[in-house]
Amino acid sequence: MKPAEIRQEIAKKGLNLTLIAAAVGAAPGTVGQVINRKLTSTRIASAIAKIINKPFFDVFPEYCAVSPRYVPSAKEGQRKVQELKKVIG
């Protein structure tokens, strides 16, 4: 996905980069850099894919070469979304 598409999906969930950053323990700028492909972080990229409920490699296909065996479970993704919903009230 393109960075703008990722940001749109995040906004559709009623979230922003600051909330995601707080949930993953990173700075909002770091989350933005991962979305814009300026920085790589499997942990943050995975969280973003889970938050927008999309398969990891659909959101960040370039990570295929970095971690070809990583496939997050749907259950884990749903759990993270519920945790974020609790954070934002």
Protein backbone atom coordinates (compact mmCIF):
# COMPACT_ATOMS: atom_id res chain seq x y z
CA MET A 1 0.00 0.00 0.00
CA LYS A 2 1.06 3.56 -0.56
CA PRO A 3 1.69 5.73 2.50
CA ALA A 4 -1.39 7.85 1.79
CA GLU A 5 -3.56 4.72 1.64
CA ILE A 6 -2.19 3.52 4.98
CA ARG A 7 -2.90 6.90 6.56
CA GLN A 8 -6.45 6.84 5.18
CA GLU A 9 -7.06 3.40 6.67
CA ILE A 10 -5.73 4.58 10.02
CA ALA A 11 -8.03 7.61 9.92
CA LYS A 12 -11.02 5.39 9.06
CA LYS A 13 -10.39 3.58 12.35
CA GLY A 14 -10.57 6.91 14.19
CA LEU A 15 -6.88 6.73 15.02
CA ASN A 16 -3.81 8.85 14.39
CA LEU A 17 -0.06 8.32 14.50
CA THR A 18 0.21 9.66 18.04
CA LEU A 19 -2.18 7.02 19.38
CA ILE A 20 -0.45 4.25 17.46
CA ALA A 21 2.94 5.46 18.66
CA ALA A 22 1.76 5.35 22.27
CA ALA A 23 0.43 1.81 21.77
CA VAL A 24 3.69 0.52 20.26
CA GLY A 25 6.02 2.51 22.50
CA ALA A 26 7.54 4.68 19.80
CA ALA A 27 7.56 8.33 18.79
CA PRO A 28 4.88 9.50 16.33
CA GLY A 29 7.64 10.54 13.92
CA THR A 30 9.03 7.02 13.96
CA VAL A 31 5.63 5.57 13.07
CA GLY A 32 5.39 8.11 10.23
CA GLN A 33 8.83 7.18 8.97
CA VAL A 34 7.86 3.50 8.86
CA ILE A 35 4.70 4.36 6.91
CA ASN A 36 6.72 6.54 4.51
CA ARG A 37 9.38 3.82 4.09
CA LYS A 38 12.14 6.04 5.51
CA LEU A 39 12.75 3.63 8.41
CA THR A 40 12.26 -0.11 8.73
CA SER A 41 10.73 -1.70 11.81
CA THR A 42 9.01 -5.03 11.53
CA ARG A 43 7.48 -4.50 14.97
CA ILE A 44 5.89 -1.16 14.05
CA ALA A 45 4.97 -2.20 10.50
CA SER A 46 3.29 -5.31 11.86
CA ALA A 47 1.32 -3.26 14.38
CA ILE A 48 0.16 -0.89 11.63
CA ALA A 49 -1.01 -3.79 9.45
CA LYS A 50 -2.89 -5.26 12.40
CA ILE A 51 -4.48 -1.93 13.29
CA ILE A 52 -5.83 -1.46 9.77
CA ASN A 53 -6.77 -5.15 9.61
CA LYS A 54 -4.81 -5.90 6.45
CA PRO A 55 -2.31 -8.68 5.74
CA PHE A 56 1.22 -7.59 6.65
CA PHE A 57 2.72 -8.17 3.20
CA ASP A 58 -0.18 -6.39 1.48
CA VAL A 59 0.60 -3.26 3.49
CA PHE A 60 4.40 -3.57 3.44
CA PRO A 61 5.35 -5.85 0.52
CA GLU A 62 8.98 -4.73 0.69
CA TYR A 63 9.35 -6.63 3.98
CA CYS A 64 8.97 -9.90 2.10
CA ALA A 65 12.69 -9.94 1.38
CA VAL A 66 13.55 -9.01 4.98
CA SER A 67 11.32 -11.46 6.85
CA PRO A 68 9.76 -13.91 4.40
CA ARG A 69 8.31 -16.18 7.08
CA TYR A 70 6.49 -13.55 9.12
CA VAL A 71 2.71 -13.95 8.98
CA PRO A 72 0.72 -12.36 11.81
CA SER A 73 -2.33 -14.26 13.02
CA ALA A 74 -5.77 -12.76 12.55
CA LYS A 75 -6.53 -13.35 16.23
CA GLU A 76 -3.47 -11.37 17.34
CA GLY A 77 -4.42 -8.51 15.02
CA GLN A 78 -7.95 -8.38 16.39
CA ARG A 79 -6.62 -8.35 19.96
CA LYS A 80 -4.37 -5.38 19.20
CA VAL A 81 -7.24 -3.43 17.62
CA GLN A 82 -9.33 -4.03 20.75
CA GLU A 83 -6.48 -2.82 22.95
CA LEU A 84 -6.18 0.36 20.87
CA LYS A 85 -9.92 0.96 21.14
CA LYS A 86 -9.59 0.78 24.93
CA VAL A 87 -6.74 3.30 24.84
CA ILE A 88 -8.71 5.84 22.84
CA GLY A 89 -11.93 5.27 24.79
